[in-house]
Amino acid sequence: MKKDFVMKSFLFLCKKNDTMKLIKTEEDYDKALKRLDKIFHAEPNSREQEELELLVMLIEKYETEKVGQFSIFP
């Protein structure tokens, strides 16, 4: 269920924001962390807040599958 939500959210954001993409490399990961830092305090119900939520899921997925670290959020 969560995977379906992530993909639907990802596709929705891709339509609104051409820069959003899956995290596949260390460079992508670094860029994602920088973007997360920039929008961390986004206003509720804003476009940036939606981006933030999806970005957190993508970062968690990358960390779990590629880096082997625990999530940035407990």
PDB file of N, CA and C in Angstrom:
ATOM      1  N   MET A   1       0.824  -1.193   0.000  1.00  0.00           N
ATOM      2  CA  MET A   1       0.000   0.000   0.000  1.00  0.00           C
ATOM      3  C   MET A   1       0.866   1.253   0.000  1.00  0.00           C
ATOM      4  N   LYS A   2       1.875   1.302   0.873  1.00  0.00           N
ATOM      5  CA  LYS A   2       2.748   2.470   0.937  1.00  0.00           C
ATOM      6  C   LYS A   2       3.483   2.659  -0.385  1.00  0.00           C
ATOM      7  N   LYS A   3       3.888   1.545  -1.022  1.00  0.00           N
ATOM      8  CA  LYS A   3       4.593   1.627  -2.299  1.00  0.00           C
ATOM      9  C   LYS A   3       3.704   2.276  -3.360  1.00  0.00           C
ATOM     10  N   ASP A   4       2.432   1.909  -3.399  1.00  0.00           N
ATOM     11  CA  ASP A   4       1.501   2.503  -4.352  1.00  0.00           C
ATOM     12  C   ASP A   4       1.355   3.994  -4.108  1.00  0.00           C
ATOM     13  N   PHE A   5       1.264   4.380  -2.845  1.00  0.00           N
ATOM     14  CA  PHE A   5       1.149   5.793  -2.504  1.00  0.00           C
ATOM     15  C   PHE A   5       2.385   6.559  -2.960  1.00  0.00           C
ATOM     16  N   VAL A   6       3.559   5.976  -2.721  1.00  0.00           N
ATOM     17  CA  VAL A   6       4.803   6.633  -3.125  1.00  0.00           C
ATOM     18  C   VAL A   6       4.832   6.830  -4.631  1.00  0.00           C
ATOM     19  N   MET A   7       4.483   5.804  -5.378  1.00  0.00           N
ATOM     20  CA  MET A   7       4.520   5.921  -6.837  1.00  0.00           C
ATOM     21  C   MET A   7       3.494   6.921  -7.345  1.00  0.00           C
ATOM     22  N   LYS A   8       2.302   6.913  -6.798  1.00  0.00           N
ATOM     23  CA  LYS A   8       1.285   7.879  -7.216  1.00  0.00           C
ATOM     24  C   LYS A   8       1.722   9.297  -6.880  1.00  0.00           C
ATOM     25  N   SER A   9       2.281   9.475  -5.693  1.00  0.00           N
ATOM     26  CA  SER A   9       2.763  10.791  -5.290  1.00  0.00           C
ATOM     27  C   SER A   9       3.919  11.226  -6.165  1.00  0.00           C
ATOM     28  N   PHE A  10       4.805  10.287  -6.481  1.00  0.00           N
ATOM     29  CA  PHE A  10       5.950  10.596  -7.329  1.00  0.00           C
ATOM     30  C   PHE A  10       5.483  11.046  -8.711  1.00  0.00           C
ATOM     31  N   LEU A  11       4.559  10.307  -9.287  1.00  0.00           N
ATOM     32  CA  LEU A  11       4.059  10.664 -10.612  1.00  0.00           C
ATOM     33  C   LEU A  11       3.339  12.008 -10.590  1.00  0.00           C
ATOM     34  N   PHE A  12       2.593  12.275  -9.534  1.00  0.00           N
ATOM     35  CA  PHE A  12       1.901  13.556  -9.393  1.00  0.00           C
ATOM     36  C   PHE A  12       2.905  14.696  -9.322  1.00  0.00           C
ATOM     37  N   LEU A  13       3.939  14.530  -8.515  1.00  0.00           N
ATOM     38  CA  LEU A  13       4.947  15.578  -8.384  1.00  0.00           C
ATOM     39  C   LEU A  13       5.751  15.755  -9.658  1.00  0.00           C
ATOM     40  N   CYS A  14       5.991  14.680 -10.383  1.00  0.00           N
ATOM     41  CA  CYS A  14       6.725  14.800 -11.641  1.00  0.00           C
ATOM     42  C   CYS A  14       5.989  15.710 -12.612  1.00  0.00           C
ATOM     43  N   LYS A  15       4.681  15.656 -12.581  1.00  0.00           N
ATOM     44  CA  LYS A  15       3.893  16.520 -13.453  1.00  0.00           C
ATOM     45  C   LYS A  15       4.023  17.980 -13.037  1.00  0.00           C
ATOM     46  N   LYS A  16       4.202  18.229 -11.738  1.00  0.00           N
ATOM     47  CA  LYS A  16       4.269  19.589 -11.223  1.00  0.00           C
ATOM     48  C   LYS A  16       5.698  20.107 -11.129  1.00  0.00           C
ATOM     49  N   ASN A  17       6.651  19.210 -10.989  1.00  0.00           N
ATOM     50  CA  ASN A  17       8.016  19.612 -10.704  1.00  0.00           C
ATOM     51  C   ASN A  17       8.969  18.684 -11.448  1.00  0.00           C
ATOM     52  N   ASP A  18       9.513  19.150 -12.548  1.00  0.00           N
ATOM     53  CA  ASP A  18      10.357  18.311 -13.395  1.00  0.00           C
ATOM     54  C   ASP A  18      11.655  17.880 -12.723  1.00  0.00           C
ATOM     55  N   THR A  19      12.026  18.471 -11.609  1.00  0.00           N
ATOM     56  CA  THR A  19      13.294  18.130 -10.981  1.00  0.00           C
ATOM     57  C   THR A  19      13.200  16.923 -10.051  1.00  0.00           C
ATOM     58  N   MET A  20      12.015  16.493  -9.677  1.00  0.00           N
ATOM     59  CA  MET A  20      11.863  15.361  -8.771  1.00  0.00           C
ATOM     60  C   MET A  20      12.131  14.066  -9.521  1.00  0.00           C
ATOM     61  N   LYS A  21      12.989  13.218  -8.948  1.00  0.00           N
ATOM     62  CA  LYS A  21      13.277  11.926  -9.560  1.00  0.00           C
ATOM     63  C   LYS A  21      13.689  10.937  -8.482  1.00  0.00           C
ATOM     64  N   LEU A  22      13.732   9.673  -8.849  1.00  0.00           N
ATOM     65  CA  LEU A  22      14.163   8.643  -7.918  1.00  0.00           C
ATOM     66  C   LEU A  22      15.626   8.852  -7.561  1.00  0.00           C
ATOM     67  N   ILE A  23      15.989   8.447  -6.361  1.00  0.00           N
ATOM     68  CA  ILE A  23      17.372   8.562  -5.900  1.00  0.00           C
ATOM     69  C   ILE A  23      18.075   7.260  -6.245  1.00  0.00           C
ATOM     70  N   LYS A  24      19.033   7.340  -7.172  1.00  0.00           N
ATOM     71  CA  LYS A  24      19.719   6.139  -7.640  1.00  0.00           C
ATOM     72  C   LYS A  24      21.218   6.170  -7.384  1.00  0.00           C
ATOM     73  N   THR A  25      21.786   7.348  -7.190  1.00  0.00           N
ATOM     74  CA  THR A  25      23.232   7.463  -7.013  1.00  0.00           C
ATOM     75  C   THR A  25      23.546   8.264  -5.753  1.00  0.00           C
ATOM     76  N   GLU A  26      24.800   8.227  -5.348  1.00  0.00           N
ATOM     77  CA  GLU A  26      25.247   9.016  -4.195  1.00  0.00           C
ATOM     78  C   GLU A  26      25.056  10.507  -4.473  1.00  0.00           C
ATOM     79  N   GLU A  27      25.269  10.914  -5.710  1.00  0.00           N
ATOM     80  CA  GLU A  27      25.061  12.321  -6.092  1.00  0.00           C
ATOM     81  C   GLU A  27      23.586  12.707  -5.948  1.00  0.00           C
ATOM     82  N   ASP A  28      22.698  11.847  -6.409  1.00  0.00           N
ATOM     83  CA  ASP A  28      21.256  12.084  -6.242  1.00  0.00           C
ATOM     84  C   ASP A  28      20.906  12.203  -4.763  1.00  0.00           C
ATOM     85  N   TYR A  29      21.494  11.319  -3.962  1.00  0.00           N
ATOM     86  CA  TYR A  29      21.251  11.294  -2.522  1.00  0.00           C
ATOM     87  C   TYR A  29      21.697  12.609  -1.876  1.00  0.00           C
ATOM     88  N   ASP A  30      22.876  13.070  -2.235  1.00  0.00           N
ATOM     89  CA  ASP A  30      23.377  14.335  -1.693  1.00  0.00           C
ATOM     90  C   ASP A  30      22.475  15.499  -2.076  1.00  0.00           C
ATOM     91  N   LYS A  31      22.023  15.524  -3.326  1.00  0.00           N
ATOM     92  CA  LYS A  31      21.121  16.582  -3.782  1.00  0.00           C
ATOM     93  C   LYS A  31      19.792  16.524  -3.023  1.00  0.00           C
ATOM     94  N   ALA A  32      19.295  15.317  -2.812  1.00  0.00           N
ATOM     95  CA  ALA A  32      18.029  15.144  -2.088  1.00  0.00           C
ATOM     96  C   ALA A  32      18.152  15.648  -0.652  1.00  0.00           C
ATOM     97  N   LEU A  33      19.278  15.354  -0.008  1.00  0.00           N
ATOM     98  CA  LEU A  33      19.480  15.824   1.370  1.00  0.00           C
ATOM     99  C   LEU A  33      19.575  17.350   1.422  1.00  0.00           C
ATOM    100  N   LYS A  34      20.229  17.952   0.446  1.00  0.00           N
ATOM    101  CA  LYS A  34      20.307  19.417   0.401  1.00  0.00           C
ATOM    102  C   LYS A  34      18.929  20.031   0.193  1.00  0.00           C
ATOM    103  N   ARG A  35      18.133  19.427  -0.702  1.00  0.00           N
ATOM    104  CA  ARG A  35      16.782  19.931  -0.940  1.00  0.00           C
ATOM    105  C   ARG A  35      15.923  19.747   0.309  1.00  0.00           C
ATOM    106  N   LEU A  36      16.064  18.620   0.981  1.00  0.00           N
ATOM    107  CA  LEU A  36      15.326  18.366   2.217  1.00  0.00           C
ATOM    108  C   LEU A  36      15.638  19.448   3.244  1.00  0.00           C
ATOM    109  N   ASP A  37      16.900  19.775   3.381  1.00  0.00           N
ATOM    110  CA  ASP A  37      17.313  20.813   4.322  1.00  0.00           C
ATOM    111  C   ASP A  37      16.679  22.161   3.971  1.00  0.00           C
ATOM    112  N   LYS A  38      16.604  22.438   2.686  1.00  0.00           N
ATOM    113  CA  LYS A  38      16.064  23.732   2.231  1.00  0.00           C
ATOM    114  C   LYS A  38      14.554  23.862   2.492  1.00  0.00           C
ATOM    115  N   ILE A  39      13.814  22.780   2.335  1.00  0.00           N
ATOM    116  CA  ILE A  39      12.353  22.858   2.459  1.00  0.00           C
ATOM    117  C   ILE A  39      11.828  22.227   3.752  1.00  0.00           C
ATOM    118  N   PHE A  40      12.707  21.935   4.678  1.00  0.00           N
ATOM    119  CA  PHE A  40      12.319  21.206   5.890  1.00  0.00           C
ATOM    120  C   PHE A  40      11.177  21.874   6.662  1.00  0.00           C
ATOM    121  N   HIS A  41      11.121  23.174   6.674  1.00  0.00           N
ATOM    122  CA  HIS A  41      10.081  23.891   7.420  1.00  0.00           C
ATOM    123  C   HIS A  41       9.007  24.453   6.493  1.00  0.00           C
ATOM    124  N   ALA A  42       8.631  23.681   5.506  1.00  0.00           N
ATOM    125  CA  ALA A  42       7.616  24.111   4.549  1.00  0.00           C
ATOM    126  C   ALA A  42       6.275  24.336   5.246  1.00  0.00           C
ATOM    127  N   GLU A  43       5.516  25.260   4.703  1.00  0.00           N
ATOM    128  CA  GLU A  43       4.181  25.550   5.228  1.00  0.00           C
ATOM    129  C   GLU A  43       3.254  24.350   5.011  1.00  0.00           C
ATOM    130  N   PRO A  44       2.411  24.042   5.987  1.00  0.00           N
ATOM    131  CA  PRO A  44       1.456  22.938   5.825  1.00  0.00           C
ATOM    132  C   PRO A  44       0.564  23.158   4.602  1.00  0.00           C
ATOM    133  N   ASN A  45       0.240  22.076   3.938  1.00  0.00           N
ATOM    134  CA  ASN A  45      -0.642  22.081   2.764  1.00  0.00           C
ATOM    135  C   ASN A  45      -0.086  22.865   1.582  1.00  0.00           C
ATOM    136  N   SER A  46       1.200  23.070   1.562  1.00  0.00           N
ATOM    137  CA  SER A  46       1.823  23.761   0.431  1.00  0.00           C
ATOM    138  C   SER A  46       2.433  22.740  -0.525  1.00  0.00           C
ATOM    139  N   ARG A  47       2.780  23.202  -1.692  1.00  0.00           N
ATOM    140  CA  ARG A  47       3.439  22.345  -2.670  1.00  0.00           C
ATOM    141  C   ARG A  47       4.773  21.826  -2.117  1.00  0.00           C
ATOM    142  N   GLU A  48       5.500  22.696  -1.427  1.00  0.00           N
ATOM    143  CA  GLU A  48       6.777  22.278  -0.845  1.00  0.00           C
ATOM    144  C   GLU A  48       6.580  21.230   0.240  1.00  0.00           C
ATOM    145  N   GLN A  49       5.497  21.318   0.983  1.00  0.00           N
ATOM    146  CA  GLN A  49       5.230  20.329   2.023  1.00  0.00           C
ATOM    147  C   GLN A  49       4.952  18.965   1.384  1.00  0.00           C
ATOM    148  N   GLU A  50       4.234  18.943   0.262  1.00  0.00           N
ATOM    149  CA  GLU A  50       4.006  17.697  -0.465  1.00  0.00           C
ATOM    150  C   GLU A  50       5.331  17.139  -0.978  1.00  0.00           C
ATOM    151  N   GLU A  51       6.158  18.017  -1.516  1.00  0.00           N
ATOM    152  CA  GLU A  51       7.473  17.604  -1.999  1.00  0.00           C
ATOM    153  C   GLU A  51       8.307  17.044  -0.845  1.00  0.00           C
ATOM    154  N   LEU A  52       8.240  17.692   0.297  1.00  0.00           N
ATOM    155  CA  LEU A  52       8.992  17.263   1.476  1.00  0.00           C
ATOM    156  C   LEU A  52       8.603  15.844   1.884  1.00  0.00           C
ATOM    157  N   GLU A  53       7.320  15.575   1.954  1.00  0.00           N
ATOM    158  CA  GLU A  53       6.854  14.249   2.351  1.00  0.00           C
ATOM    159  C   GLU A  53       7.345  13.174   1.400  1.00  0.00           C
ATOM    160  N   LEU A  54       7.250  13.439   0.117  1.00  0.00           N
ATOM    161  CA  LEU A  54       7.705  12.473  -0.865  1.00  0.00           C
ATOM    162  C   LEU A  54       9.215  12.320  -0.823  1.00  0.00           C
ATOM    163  N   LEU A  55       9.920  13.416  -0.687  1.00  0.00           N
ATOM    164  CA  LEU A  55      11.376  13.374  -0.627  1.00  0.00           C
ATOM    165  C   LEU A  55      11.855  12.539   0.557  1.00  0.00           C
ATOM    166  N   VAL A  56      11.192  12.663   1.688  1.00  0.00           N
ATOM    167  CA  VAL A  56      11.545  11.859   2.863  1.00  0.00           C
ATOM    168  C   VAL A  56      11.370  10.368   2.547  1.00  0.00           C
ATOM    169  N   MET A  57      10.284  10.006   1.881  1.00  0.00           N
ATOM    170  CA  MET A  57      10.069   8.606   1.533  1.00  0.00           C
ATOM    171  C   MET A  57      11.143   8.101   0.571  1.00  0.00           C
ATOM    172  N   LEU A  58      11.504   8.919  -0.401  1.00  0.00           N
ATOM    173  CA  LEU A  58      12.527   8.513  -1.356  1.00  0.00           C
ATOM    174  C   LEU A  58      13.892   8.367  -0.684  1.00  0.00           C
ATOM    175  N   ILE A  59      14.202   9.274   0.226  1.00  0.00           N
ATOM    176  CA  ILE A  59      15.466   9.190   0.965  1.00  0.00           C
ATOM    177  C   ILE A  59      15.488   7.932   1.828  1.00  0.00           C
ATOM    178  N   GLU A  60      14.399   7.663   2.528  1.00  0.00           N
ATOM    179  CA  GLU A  60      14.321   6.455   3.353  1.00  0.00           C
ATOM    180  C   GLU A  60      14.504   5.200   2.506  1.00  0.00           C
ATOM    181  N   LYS A  61      13.869   5.173   1.346  1.00  0.00           N
ATOM    182  CA  LYS A  61      13.985   4.023   0.447  1.00  0.00           C
ATOM    183  C   LYS A  61      15.433   3.845   0.013  1.00  0.00           C
ATOM    184  N   TYR A  62      16.090   4.906  -0.377  1.00  0.00           N
ATOM    185  CA  TYR A  62      17.487   4.819  -0.806  1.00  0.00           C
ATOM    186  C   TYR A  62      18.371   4.345   0.340  1.00  0.00           C
ATOM    187  N   GLU A  63      18.183   4.925   1.510  1.00  0.00           N
ATOM    188  CA  GLU A  63      19.001   4.542   2.666  1.00  0.00           C
ATOM    189  C   GLU A  63      18.815   3.065   3.009  1.00  0.00           C
ATOM    190  N   THR A  64      17.601   2.594   2.956  1.00  0.00           N
ATOM    191  CA  THR A  64      17.315   1.207   3.289  1.00  0.00           C
ATOM    192  C   THR A  64      17.908   0.249   2.253  1.00  0.00           C
ATOM    193  N   GLU A  65      17.732   0.568   0.986  1.00  0.00           N
ATOM    194  CA  GLU A  65      18.149  -0.345  -0.075  1.00  0.00           C
ATOM    195  C   GLU A  65      19.615  -0.214  -0.471  1.00  0.00           C
ATOM    196  N   LYS A  66      20.130   0.988  -0.495  1.00  0.00           N
ATOM    197  CA  LYS A  66      21.484   1.204  -1.021  1.00  0.00           C
ATOM    198  C   LYS A  66      22.528   1.453   0.047  1.00  0.00           C
ATOM    199  N   VAL A  67      22.204   2.279   0.990  1.00  0.00           N
ATOM    200  CA  VAL A  67      23.182   2.689   1.986  1.00  0.00           C
ATOM    201  C   VAL A  67      23.187   1.734   3.176  1.00  0.00           C
ATOM    202  N   GLY A  68      22.040   1.146   3.479  1.00  0.00           N
ATOM    203  CA  GLY A  68      21.950   0.224   4.599  1.00  0.00           C
ATOM    204  C   GLY A  68      21.882   0.922   5.943  1.00  0.00           C
ATOM    205  N   GLN A  69      21.614   2.222   5.931  1.00  0.00           N
ATOM    206  CA  GLN A  69      21.494   2.969   7.179  1.00  0.00           C
ATOM    207  C   GLN A  69      20.039   2.970   7.613  1.00  0.00           C
ATOM    208  N   PHE A  70      19.835   3.350   8.852  1.00  0.00           N
ATOM    209  CA  PHE A  70      18.477   3.474   9.342  1.00  0.00           C
ATOM    210  C   PHE A  70      17.880   4.776   8.811  1.00  0.00           C
ATOM    211  N   SER A  71      16.590   4.884   8.934  1.00  0.00           N
ATOM    212  CA  SER A  71      15.861   6.041   8.440  1.00  0.00           C
ATOM    213  C   SER A  71      16.314   7.321   9.135  1.00  0.00           C
ATOM    214  N   ILE A  72      16.144   8.459   8.452  1.00  0.00           N
ATOM    215  CA  ILE A  72      16.457   9.736   9.068  1.00  0.00           C
ATOM    216  C   ILE A  72      15.425  10.095  10.130  1.00  0.00           C
ATOM    217  N   PHE A  73      14.271   9.404  10.076  1.00  0.00           N
ATOM    218  CA  PHE A  73      13.224   9.591  11.071  1.00  0.00           C
ATOM    219  C   PHE A  73      12.976   8.259  11.765  1.00  0.00           C
ATOM    220  N   PRO A  74      12.910   8.259  13.091  1.00  0.00           N
ATOM    221  CA  PRO A  74      12.676   6.994  13.809  1.00  0.00           C
ATOM    222  C   PRO A  74      11.301   6.426  13.561  1.00  0.00           C
TER     223      PRO A  74
END
